[in-house]
């Protein structure tokens, strides 16, 4: 048995005691009832957020003493929170890079990237007037363009790209889960 095994057992018991003694928020209770994983913040995991600032460091660990592995220079960039620790959030970007960002640099404002997996291909994304394939074309959006998500109905997302508002097939957006409903 490793020398620190009793410490681990004691720590695990303490962690369980803290979790049992901590009251759950109404949102956390609703998420638990629906079998959604909830983080220490009481919010669901995973979930999408966006960068608040135009200069954000992603670190290899949850703290200022950890090295920076990426620097983001675009506010509004969507990120997926996959883990929480204290005031730090482990995030994943649209290209799959993972690291830690302080929660103060993240916003609950929902944004999405139009089909980043199409980047470099000659395939634009249709922005439609209504949430259906045969609706009037409002604009064509380049893959990789970032827009604000106003709402999603599980199949389509109402978005704004540089002042052009319309609906995009939800399967073509990185920033909303398949089948997820989002309300503004």
N, C-alpha and C. Protein backbone atom coordinates (compact mmCIF):
# COMPACT_ATOMS: atom_id res chain seq x y z
N UNK A 1 0.85 -1.18 0.00
CA UNK A 1 0.00 0.00 0.00
C UNK A 1 0.90 1.24 0.00
N UNK A 2 0.63 2.22 -0.92
CA UNK A 2 1.45 3.43 -0.96
C UNK A 2 1.32 4.21 0.34
N UNK A 3 2.36 4.96 0.67
CA UNK A 3 2.38 5.72 1.92
C UNK A 3 1.27 6.75 2.01
N UNK A 4 0.81 7.28 0.87
CA UNK A 4 -0.22 8.32 0.91
C UNK A 4 -1.63 7.77 0.76
N UNK A 5 -1.82 6.46 0.77
CA UNK A 5 -3.14 5.86 0.61
C UNK A 5 -4.11 6.28 1.71
N UNK A 6 -3.71 6.29 3.01
CA UNK A 6 -4.66 6.73 4.04
C UNK A 6 -5.08 8.18 3.83
N UNK A 7 -4.15 9.02 3.38
CA UNK A 7 -4.47 10.42 3.11
C UNK A 7 -5.52 10.52 2.00
N UNK A 8 -5.33 9.74 0.92
CA UNK A 8 -6.29 9.76 -0.19
C UNK A 8 -7.67 9.35 0.29
N UNK A 9 -7.74 8.29 1.10
CA UNK A 9 -9.03 7.81 1.61
C UNK A 9 -9.69 8.88 2.46
N UNK A 10 -8.90 9.54 3.33
CA UNK A 10 -9.43 10.58 4.18
C UNK A 10 -9.92 11.75 3.33
N UNK A 11 -9.15 12.12 2.30
CA UNK A 11 -9.53 13.22 1.41
C UNK A 11 -10.82 12.89 0.66
N UNK A 12 -10.93 11.65 0.18
CA UNK A 12 -12.14 11.23 -0.54
C UNK A 12 -13.36 11.30 0.37
N UNK A 13 -13.21 10.85 1.62
CA UNK A 13 -14.33 10.90 2.57
C UNK A 13 -14.72 12.34 2.87
N UNK A 14 -13.74 13.22 3.02
CA UNK A 14 -14.00 14.63 3.27
C UNK A 14 -14.71 15.25 2.08
N UNK A 15 -14.29 14.93 0.87
CA UNK A 15 -14.92 15.46 -0.34
C UNK A 15 -16.37 15.03 -0.42
N UNK A 16 -16.66 13.78 -0.09
CA UNK A 16 -18.04 13.29 -0.10
C UNK A 16 -18.85 14.01 0.95
N UNK A 17 -18.29 14.23 2.14
CA UNK A 17 -18.99 14.92 3.20
C UNK A 17 -19.33 16.35 2.79
N UNK A 18 -18.40 17.02 2.13
CA UNK A 18 -18.64 18.38 1.67
C UNK A 18 -19.74 18.39 0.62
N UNK A 19 -19.72 17.45 -0.30
CA UNK A 19 -20.75 17.39 -1.33
C UNK A 19 -22.12 17.13 -0.73
N UNK A 20 -22.20 16.27 0.27
CA UNK A 20 -23.47 15.95 0.90
C UNK A 20 -23.99 17.15 1.68
N UNK A 21 -23.09 17.90 2.32
CA UNK A 21 -23.50 19.02 3.16
C UNK A 21 -23.81 20.28 2.37
N UNK A 22 -23.40 20.35 1.11
CA UNK A 22 -23.60 21.55 0.30
C UNK A 22 -24.98 21.54 -0.34
N UNK A 23 -25.81 22.56 -0.09
CA UNK A 23 -27.13 22.57 -0.71
C UNK A 23 -27.02 22.79 -2.22
N UNK A 24 -27.87 22.13 -2.98
CA UNK A 24 -27.86 22.27 -4.43
C UNK A 24 -28.76 23.42 -4.85
N UNK A 25 -28.36 24.13 -5.89
CA UNK A 25 -29.20 25.17 -6.43
C UNK A 25 -30.36 24.54 -7.20
N UNK A 26 -31.37 25.32 -7.50
CA UNK A 26 -32.50 24.81 -8.26
C UNK A 26 -32.05 24.30 -9.62
N UNK A 27 -31.13 25.04 -10.28
CA UNK A 27 -30.61 24.62 -11.59
C UNK A 27 -29.87 23.31 -11.45
N UNK A 28 -29.06 23.16 -10.41
CA UNK A 28 -28.31 21.93 -10.21
C UNK A 28 -29.26 20.76 -9.96
N UNK A 29 -30.33 21.00 -9.18
CA UNK A 29 -31.31 19.94 -8.92
C UNK A 29 -31.99 19.51 -10.22
N UNK A 30 -32.37 20.48 -11.06
CA UNK A 30 -33.02 20.15 -12.33
C UNK A 30 -32.08 19.35 -13.22
N UNK A 31 -30.80 19.76 -13.27
CA UNK A 31 -29.83 19.05 -14.09
C UNK A 31 -29.59 17.63 -13.57
N UNK A 32 -29.54 17.47 -12.23
CA UNK A 32 -29.32 16.15 -11.65
C UNK A 32 -30.50 15.24 -11.97
N UNK A 33 -31.71 15.78 -11.89
CA UNK A 33 -32.89 14.98 -12.19
C UNK A 33 -32.91 14.52 -13.64
N UNK A 34 -32.28 15.27 -14.53
CA UNK A 34 -32.23 14.91 -15.95
C UNK A 34 -30.95 14.14 -16.28
N UNK A 35 -30.20 13.69 -15.28
CA UNK A 35 -28.94 12.96 -15.46
C UNK A 35 -27.89 13.78 -16.21
N UNK A 36 -27.88 15.08 -15.98
CA UNK A 36 -26.87 15.95 -16.56
C UNK A 36 -25.78 16.13 -15.51
N UNK A 37 -24.52 16.00 -15.91
CA UNK A 37 -23.41 16.20 -14.98
C UNK A 37 -23.35 17.67 -14.60
N UNK A 38 -23.21 17.94 -13.31
CA UNK A 38 -23.16 19.30 -12.81
C UNK A 38 -21.81 19.54 -12.15
N UNK A 39 -21.20 20.69 -12.47
CA UNK A 39 -19.91 21.04 -11.88
C UNK A 39 -20.09 21.69 -10.52
N UNK A 40 -18.99 21.97 -9.82
CA UNK A 40 -19.05 22.63 -8.51
C UNK A 40 -19.77 23.97 -8.54
N UNK A 41 -19.81 24.63 -9.69
CA UNK A 41 -20.49 25.91 -9.82
C UNK A 41 -22.01 25.76 -9.82
N UNK A 42 -22.49 24.52 -9.96
CA UNK A 42 -23.93 24.28 -10.07
C UNK A 42 -24.42 24.34 -11.51
N UNK A 43 -23.51 24.59 -12.44
CA UNK A 43 -23.86 24.66 -13.86
C UNK A 43 -23.51 23.34 -14.55
N UNK A 44 -24.19 23.04 -15.65
CA UNK A 44 -23.95 21.75 -16.33
C UNK A 44 -22.56 21.66 -16.95
N UNK A 45 -22.06 20.46 -17.01
CA UNK A 45 -20.81 20.14 -17.68
C UNK A 45 -21.07 19.02 -18.67
N UNK A 46 -20.59 19.11 -19.88
CA UNK A 46 -19.94 20.28 -20.48
C UNK A 46 -20.97 21.34 -20.84
N UNK A 47 -20.49 22.54 -21.16
CA UNK A 47 -21.35 23.64 -21.62
C UNK A 47 -20.50 24.60 -22.45
N UNK A 48 -21.16 25.39 -23.27
CA UNK A 48 -20.46 26.37 -24.09
C UNK A 48 -20.53 27.76 -23.46
N UNK A 49 -19.44 28.50 -23.61
CA UNK A 49 -19.32 29.89 -23.18
C UNK A 49 -18.52 30.61 -24.26
N UNK A 50 -18.16 31.85 -24.00
CA UNK A 50 -17.30 32.57 -24.95
C UNK A 50 -16.26 33.37 -24.18
N UNK A 51 -15.23 33.81 -24.89
CA UNK A 51 -14.18 34.62 -24.26
C UNK A 51 -14.67 36.05 -24.09
N UNK A 52 -14.45 36.60 -22.89
CA UNK A 52 -14.85 37.97 -22.58
C UNK A 52 -13.88 38.99 -23.14
N UNK A 53 -12.62 38.65 -23.13
CA UNK A 53 -11.55 39.60 -23.45
C UNK A 53 -10.92 39.29 -24.81
N UNK A 54 -10.24 40.27 -25.35
CA UNK A 54 -9.55 40.06 -26.63
C UNK A 54 -8.14 39.52 -26.43
N UNK A 55 -7.75 39.28 -25.19
CA UNK A 55 -6.45 38.68 -24.91
C UNK A 55 -6.61 37.75 -23.71
N UNK A 56 -6.60 36.45 -24.00
CA UNK A 56 -6.85 35.45 -22.97
C UNK A 56 -5.78 34.36 -23.06
N UNK A 57 -5.17 34.05 -21.93
CA UNK A 57 -4.19 32.98 -21.87
C UNK A 57 -4.86 31.67 -21.47
N UNK A 58 -4.54 30.61 -22.20
CA UNK A 58 -4.95 29.27 -21.80
C UNK A 58 -3.70 28.63 -21.19
N UNK A 59 -3.85 28.09 -19.99
CA UNK A 59 -2.72 27.52 -19.26
C UNK A 59 -2.80 26.00 -19.21
N UNK A 60 -1.66 25.37 -18.91
CA UNK A 60 -1.62 23.91 -18.86
C UNK A 60 -2.20 23.36 -17.55
N UNK A 61 -2.43 24.23 -16.58
CA UNK A 61 -3.01 23.83 -15.30
C UNK A 61 -3.85 24.95 -14.73
N UNK A 62 -4.61 24.66 -13.66
CA UNK A 62 -5.53 25.64 -13.08
C UNK A 62 -4.86 26.61 -12.10
N UNK A 63 -4.09 27.55 -12.60
CA UNK A 63 -3.46 28.54 -11.75
C UNK A 63 -2.48 29.40 -12.53
N UNK A 64 -2.16 30.56 -11.96
CA UNK A 64 -1.25 31.49 -12.64
C UNK A 64 0.18 30.98 -12.69
N UNK A 65 0.52 30.00 -11.86
CA UNK A 65 1.88 29.45 -11.86
C UNK A 65 2.11 28.46 -12.99
N UNK A 66 1.07 28.07 -13.68
CA UNK A 66 1.20 27.13 -14.80
C UNK A 66 1.54 27.89 -16.08
N UNK A 67 2.28 27.23 -16.94
CA UNK A 67 2.71 27.83 -18.21
C UNK A 67 1.51 28.09 -19.13
N UNK A 68 1.65 29.10 -19.96
CA UNK A 68 0.65 29.41 -20.98
C UNK A 68 0.92 28.53 -22.19
N UNK A 69 -0.12 27.82 -22.66
CA UNK A 69 0.08 27.01 -23.86
C UNK A 69 -0.59 27.62 -25.09
N UNK A 70 -1.56 28.51 -24.90
CA UNK A 70 -2.19 29.23 -26.02
C UNK A 70 -2.56 30.63 -25.55
N UNK A 71 -2.51 31.58 -26.48
CA UNK A 71 -3.02 32.91 -26.21
C UNK A 71 -4.07 33.21 -27.29
N UNK A 72 -5.26 33.56 -26.84
CA UNK A 72 -6.35 33.88 -27.76
C UNK A 72 -6.47 35.39 -27.86
N UNK A 73 -6.64 35.89 -29.08
CA UNK A 73 -6.68 37.33 -29.32
C UNK A 73 -8.00 37.78 -29.92
N UNK A 74 -9.07 37.02 -29.68
CA UNK A 74 -10.38 37.35 -30.25
C UNK A 74 -11.45 37.19 -29.19
N UNK A 75 -12.05 38.28 -28.75
CA UNK A 75 -13.16 38.16 -27.80
C UNK A 75 -14.36 37.55 -28.54
N UNK A 76 -15.19 36.86 -27.80
CA UNK A 76 -16.37 36.24 -28.39
C UNK A 76 -16.12 34.85 -28.94
N UNK A 77 -14.90 34.38 -28.89
CA UNK A 77 -14.59 33.04 -29.39
C UNK A 77 -15.27 32.01 -28.50
N UNK A 78 -16.02 31.07 -29.09
CA UNK A 78 -16.68 30.06 -28.25
C UNK A 78 -15.69 29.07 -27.67
N UNK A 79 -15.96 28.64 -26.45
CA UNK A 79 -15.17 27.63 -25.75
C UNK A 79 -16.14 26.66 -25.09
N UNK A 80 -15.71 25.43 -24.97
CA UNK A 80 -16.51 24.42 -24.29
C UNK A 80 -15.87 24.14 -22.93
N UNK A 81 -16.60 24.39 -21.86
CA UNK A 81 -16.10 24.06 -20.52
C UNK A 81 -16.34 22.58 -20.29
N UNK A 82 -15.25 21.88 -19.93
CA UNK A 82 -15.36 20.44 -19.72
C UNK A 82 -15.03 20.03 -18.27
N UNK A 83 -14.49 20.98 -17.48
CA UNK A 83 -14.16 20.67 -16.08
C UNK A 83 -14.05 21.98 -15.32
N UNK A 84 -14.30 21.92 -14.01
CA UNK A 84 -14.17 23.09 -13.15
C UNK A 84 -13.29 22.76 -11.96
N UNK A 85 -12.45 23.73 -11.57
CA UNK A 85 -11.65 23.62 -10.36
C UNK A 85 -11.49 25.01 -9.79
N UNK A 86 -12.08 25.26 -8.64
CA UNK A 86 -12.01 26.56 -7.99
C UNK A 86 -12.50 27.62 -8.98
N UNK A 87 -11.69 28.65 -9.26
CA UNK A 87 -12.09 29.70 -10.21
C UNK A 87 -11.57 29.44 -11.61
N UNK A 88 -11.15 28.23 -11.88
CA UNK A 88 -10.57 27.87 -13.17
C UNK A 88 -11.48 26.92 -13.91
N UNK A 89 -11.50 27.07 -15.23
CA UNK A 89 -12.31 26.21 -16.08
C UNK A 89 -11.42 25.55 -17.12
N UNK A 90 -11.53 24.22 -17.20
CA UNK A 90 -10.82 23.51 -18.25
C UNK A 90 -11.69 23.60 -19.48
N UNK A 91 -11.13 24.12 -20.56
CA UNK A 91 -11.90 24.38 -21.77
C UNK A 91 -11.29 23.67 -22.98
N UNK A 92 -12.10 23.57 -24.00
CA UNK A 92 -11.67 23.02 -25.29
C UNK A 92 -12.12 24.01 -26.35
N UNK A 93 -11.22 24.30 -27.31
CA UNK A 93 -11.61 25.19 -28.41
C UNK A 93 -12.09 24.37 -29.61
N UNK A 94 -12.49 25.05 -30.66
CA UNK A 94 -13.06 24.40 -31.84
C UNK A 94 -12.07 23.48 -32.54
N UNK A 95 -10.79 23.69 -32.33
CA UNK A 95 -9.77 22.84 -32.96
C UNK A 95 -9.32 21.70 -32.05
N UNK A 96 -9.90 21.62 -30.85
CA UNK A 96 -9.60 20.52 -29.94
C UNK A 96 -8.53 20.81 -28.91
N UNK A 97 -7.93 22.00 -28.92
CA UNK A 97 -6.93 22.34 -27.91
C UNK A 97 -7.61 22.48 -26.55
N UNK A 98 -6.98 21.92 -25.51
CA UNK A 98 -7.52 21.98 -24.17
C UNK A 98 -6.55 22.65 -23.22
N UNK A 99 -7.11 23.34 -22.23
CA UNK A 99 -6.30 23.98 -21.20
C UNK A 99 -7.21 24.67 -20.21
N UNK A 100 -6.63 25.48 -19.33
CA UNK A 100 -7.34 26.12 -18.23
C UNK A 100 -7.39 27.62 -18.41
N UNK A 101 -8.58 28.21 -18.18
CA UNK A 101 -8.79 29.66 -18.25
C UNK A 101 -9.53 30.08 -17.00
N UNK A 102 -9.13 31.22 -16.43
CA UNK A 102 -9.81 31.75 -15.25
C UNK A 102 -11.24 32.13 -15.63
N UNK A 103 -12.19 31.81 -14.75
CA UNK A 103 -13.59 32.06 -15.04
C UNK A 103 -13.91 33.54 -15.30
N UNK A 104 -13.11 34.45 -14.74
CA UNK A 104 -13.34 35.88 -14.95
C UNK A 104 -13.16 36.29 -16.40
N UNK A 105 -12.47 35.47 -17.18
CA UNK A 105 -12.23 35.79 -18.59
C UNK A 105 -13.24 35.12 -19.52
N UNK A 106 -14.24 34.45 -18.94
CA UNK A 106 -15.26 33.75 -19.73
C UNK A 106 -16.63 34.40 -19.52
N UNK A 107 -17.43 34.35 -20.55
CA UNK A 107 -18.77 34.93 -20.51
C UNK A 107 -19.81 33.85 -20.83
N UNK A 108 -20.98 33.97 -20.24
CA UNK A 108 -22.07 33.05 -20.55
C UNK A 108 -22.72 33.36 -21.90
N UNK A 109 -22.30 34.45 -22.54
CA UNK A 109 -22.84 34.81 -23.87
C UNK A 109 -22.51 33.71 -24.86
N UNK A 110 -23.52 33.24 -25.58
CA UNK A 110 -23.32 32.13 -26.51
C UNK A 110 -22.94 32.63 -27.89
N UNK A 111 -21.88 32.08 -28.40
CA UNK A 111 -21.43 32.35 -29.76
C UNK A 111 -21.17 31.01 -30.44
N UNK A 112 -21.03 31.04 -31.74
CA UNK A 112 -20.74 29.81 -32.46
C UNK A 112 -19.88 30.09 -33.68
N UNK A 113 -19.17 29.06 -34.10
CA UNK A 113 -18.34 29.15 -35.29
C UNK A 113 -19.02 28.35 -36.39
N UNK A 114 -19.18 28.97 -37.55
CA UNK A 114 -19.80 28.29 -38.69
C UNK A 114 -18.84 27.23 -39.24
N UNK A 115 -19.24 26.00 -39.12
CA UNK A 115 -18.54 24.83 -39.68
C UNK A 115 -17.03 24.99 -39.80
N UNK A 116 -16.31 25.08 -38.67
CA UNK A 116 -14.86 25.24 -38.77
C UNK A 116 -14.19 24.06 -39.46
N UNK A 117 -14.84 22.93 -39.50
CA UNK A 117 -14.29 21.74 -40.17
C UNK A 117 -14.33 21.88 -41.68
N UNK A 118 -15.03 22.90 -42.23
CA UNK A 118 -15.06 23.16 -43.67
C UNK A 118 -13.97 24.14 -44.10
N UNK A 119 -13.24 24.73 -43.13
CA UNK A 119 -12.23 25.75 -43.45
C UNK A 119 -11.30 25.27 -44.55
N UNK A 120 -11.07 26.15 -45.52
CA UNK A 120 -10.18 25.81 -46.62
C UNK A 120 -10.92 25.15 -47.79
N UNK A 121 -12.17 24.81 -47.57
CA UNK A 121 -12.97 24.21 -48.65
C UNK A 121 -13.87 25.29 -49.23
N UNK A 122 -14.29 25.09 -50.46
CA UNK A 122 -15.16 26.08 -51.10
C UNK A 122 -16.61 25.75 -50.83
N UNK A 123 -17.01 25.85 -49.57
CA UNK A 123 -18.38 25.55 -49.17
C UNK A 123 -18.83 26.59 -48.17
N UNK A 124 -19.68 27.51 -48.58
CA UNK A 124 -20.21 28.51 -47.65
C UNK A 124 -21.43 27.93 -46.94
N UNK A 125 -21.75 28.53 -45.80
CA UNK A 125 -22.87 28.11 -44.97
C UNK A 125 -24.04 29.06 -45.24
N UNK A 126 -25.21 28.49 -45.50
CA UNK A 126 -26.39 29.31 -45.79
C UNK A 126 -27.02 29.87 -44.51
N UNK A 127 -27.26 31.17 -44.50
CA UNK A 127 -27.98 31.85 -43.43
C UNK A 127 -29.37 32.11 -43.99
N UNK A 128 -30.39 31.50 -43.40
CA UNK A 128 -31.76 31.53 -43.93
C UNK A 128 -32.67 32.45 -43.11
N UNK A 129 -33.73 32.97 -43.76
CA UNK A 129 -34.68 33.87 -43.10
C UNK A 129 -35.52 33.14 -42.06
N UNK A 130 -35.76 31.86 -42.26
CA UNK A 130 -36.56 31.04 -41.35
C UNK A 130 -35.85 29.71 -41.13
N UNK A 131 -36.20 29.00 -40.06
CA UNK A 131 -35.52 27.73 -39.76
C UNK A 131 -35.98 26.55 -40.62
N UNK A 132 -35.69 26.64 -41.91
CA UNK A 132 -36.00 25.54 -42.84
C UNK A 132 -35.14 25.69 -44.09
N UNK A 133 -34.85 24.56 -44.72
CA UNK A 133 -33.94 24.53 -45.88
C UNK A 133 -34.43 25.33 -47.08
N UNK A 134 -35.75 25.46 -47.25
CA UNK A 134 -36.27 26.16 -48.41
C UNK A 134 -36.59 27.64 -48.14
N UNK A 135 -36.19 28.14 -46.98
CA UNK A 135 -36.43 29.55 -46.65
C UNK A 135 -35.51 30.44 -47.47
N UNK A 136 -35.92 31.72 -47.59
CA UNK A 136 -35.15 32.71 -48.34
C UNK A 136 -33.73 32.80 -47.79
N UNK A 137 -32.76 32.87 -48.70
CA UNK A 137 -31.35 33.00 -48.34
C UNK A 137 -31.07 34.45 -47.92
N UNK A 138 -30.55 34.64 -46.72
CA UNK A 138 -30.22 35.97 -46.22
C UNK A 138 -28.78 36.31 -46.58
N UNK A 139 -27.88 35.34 -46.37
CA UNK A 139 -26.46 35.56 -46.65
C UNK A 139 -25.76 34.21 -46.70
N UNK A 140 -24.56 34.23 -47.21
CA UNK A 140 -23.69 33.05 -47.16
C UNK A 140 -22.54 33.39 -46.23
N UNK A 141 -22.24 32.48 -45.32
CA UNK A 141 -21.24 32.69 -44.29
C UNK A 141 -20.05 31.79 -44.56
N UNK A 142 -18.85 32.34 -44.47
CA UNK A 142 -17.64 31.54 -44.66
C UNK A 142 -17.43 30.61 -43.48
N UNK A 143 -16.95 29.41 -43.75
CA UNK A 143 -16.59 28.51 -42.64
C UNK A 143 -15.55 29.18 -41.75
N UNK A 144 -15.75 29.07 -40.45
CA UNK A 144 -14.85 29.69 -39.49
C UNK A 144 -15.32 31.04 -38.99
N UNK A 145 -16.39 31.60 -39.60
CA UNK A 145 -16.92 32.88 -39.14
C UNK A 145 -17.56 32.71 -37.77
N UNK A 146 -17.39 33.71 -36.91
CA UNK A 146 -17.95 33.67 -35.56
C UNK A 146 -19.20 34.54 -35.53
N UNK A 147 -20.27 34.00 -34.96
CA UNK A 147 -21.52 34.74 -34.83
C UNK A 147 -22.10 34.58 -33.45
N UNK A 148 -23.02 35.46 -33.09
CA UNK A 148 -23.73 35.39 -31.81
C UNK A 148 -24.95 34.50 -31.96
N UNK A 149 -25.13 33.60 -31.02
CA UNK A 149 -26.30 32.72 -31.02
C UNK A 149 -27.42 33.41 -30.25
N UNK A 150 -28.54 33.64 -30.93
CA UNK A 150 -29.72 34.22 -30.28
C UNK A 150 -30.59 33.13 -29.69
N UNK A 151 -30.77 32.03 -30.45
CA UNK A 151 -31.61 30.92 -30.00
C UNK A 151 -31.32 29.70 -30.85
N UNK A 152 -31.58 28.53 -30.30
CA UNK A 152 -31.50 27.27 -31.05
C UNK A 152 -32.73 26.44 -30.68
N UNK A 153 -33.31 25.77 -31.66
CA UNK A 153 -34.50 24.96 -31.39
C UNK A 153 -34.21 23.46 -31.41
N UNK A 154 -32.95 23.08 -31.51
CA UNK A 154 -32.57 21.67 -31.57
C UNK A 154 -32.18 21.24 -32.97
N UNK A 155 -32.68 21.95 -33.98
CA UNK A 155 -32.34 21.68 -35.38
C UNK A 155 -31.68 22.87 -36.07
N UNK A 156 -32.07 24.07 -35.67
CA UNK A 156 -31.59 25.31 -36.27
C UNK A 156 -31.19 26.29 -35.18
N UNK A 157 -30.22 27.16 -35.49
CA UNK A 157 -29.82 28.23 -34.58
C UNK A 157 -30.05 29.58 -35.25
N UNK A 158 -30.70 30.48 -34.53
CA UNK A 158 -30.84 31.85 -35.00
C UNK A 158 -29.58 32.58 -34.57
N UNK A 159 -28.88 33.17 -35.55
CA UNK A 159 -27.59 33.78 -35.28
C UNK A 159 -27.44 35.12 -35.97
N UNK A 160 -26.46 35.86 -35.48
CA UNK A 160 -26.10 37.13 -36.10
C UNK A 160 -24.62 37.07 -36.47
N UNK A 161 -24.34 37.25 -37.76
CA UNK A 161 -22.97 37.30 -38.26
C UNK A 161 -22.74 38.68 -38.85
N UNK A 162 -21.97 39.51 -38.16
CA UNK A 162 -21.61 40.85 -38.64
C UNK A 162 -22.83 41.63 -39.13
N UNK A 163 -23.89 41.62 -38.35
CA UNK A 163 -25.09 42.39 -38.69
C UNK A 163 -26.08 41.68 -39.57
N UNK A 164 -25.78 40.49 -40.03
CA UNK A 164 -26.71 39.69 -40.83
C UNK A 164 -27.32 38.63 -39.93
N UNK A 165 -28.65 38.72 -39.74
CA UNK A 165 -29.34 37.78 -38.86
C UNK A 165 -30.11 36.77 -39.67
N UNK A 166 -30.12 35.54 -39.15
CA UNK A 166 -30.88 34.49 -39.81
C UNK A 166 -30.67 33.17 -39.10
N UNK A 167 -31.08 32.09 -39.76
CA UNK A 167 -31.04 30.75 -39.19
C UNK A 167 -30.03 29.88 -39.92
N UNK A 168 -29.27 29.12 -39.14
CA UNK A 168 -28.26 28.20 -39.66
C UNK A 168 -28.59 26.81 -39.13
N UNK A 169 -28.42 25.81 -39.99
CA UNK A 169 -28.62 24.44 -39.53
C UNK A 169 -27.69 24.19 -38.35
N UNK A 170 -28.25 23.71 -37.24
CA UNK A 170 -27.51 23.55 -36.00
C UNK A 170 -26.33 22.59 -36.13
N UNK A 171 -26.43 21.65 -37.05
CA UNK A 171 -25.34 20.68 -37.25
C UNK A 171 -24.10 21.34 -37.88
N UNK A 172 -24.24 22.59 -38.34
CA UNK A 172 -23.13 23.30 -38.96
C UNK A 172 -22.52 24.36 -38.04
N UNK A 173 -22.85 24.29 -36.74
CA UNK A 173 -22.36 25.27 -35.78
C UNK A 173 -21.57 24.58 -34.68
N UNK A 174 -20.36 25.08 -34.42
CA UNK A 174 -19.61 24.64 -33.24
C UNK A 174 -19.83 25.70 -32.19
N UNK A 175 -20.58 25.34 -31.15
CA UNK A 175 -20.96 26.28 -30.09
C UNK A 175 -22.33 25.96 -29.57
N UNK A 176 -23.00 24.97 -30.17
CA UNK A 176 -24.29 24.47 -29.70
C UNK A 176 -24.29 22.95 -29.93
N UNK A 177 -24.73 22.23 -28.92
CA UNK A 177 -24.75 20.77 -29.03
C UNK A 177 -25.89 20.31 -29.93
N UNK A 178 -25.73 19.17 -30.59
CA UNK A 178 -26.82 18.61 -31.41
C UNK A 178 -28.06 18.40 -30.54
N UNK A 179 -29.17 18.92 -31.00
CA UNK A 179 -30.43 18.76 -30.28
C UNK A 179 -30.63 19.72 -29.12
N UNK A 180 -29.64 20.55 -28.83
CA UNK A 180 -29.74 21.49 -27.69
C UNK A 180 -30.66 22.65 -28.02
N UNK A 181 -31.49 23.03 -27.05
CA UNK A 181 -32.31 24.23 -27.18
C UNK A 181 -31.62 25.37 -26.42
N UNK A 182 -31.52 26.51 -27.07
CA UNK A 182 -30.91 27.69 -26.46
C UNK A 182 -31.90 28.82 -26.57
N UNK A 183 -32.12 29.52 -25.45
CA UNK A 183 -33.03 30.67 -25.46
C UNK A 183 -32.24 31.88 -25.02
N UNK A 184 -32.49 32.99 -25.66
CA UNK A 184 -31.78 34.24 -25.38
C UNK A 184 -32.19 34.80 -24.05
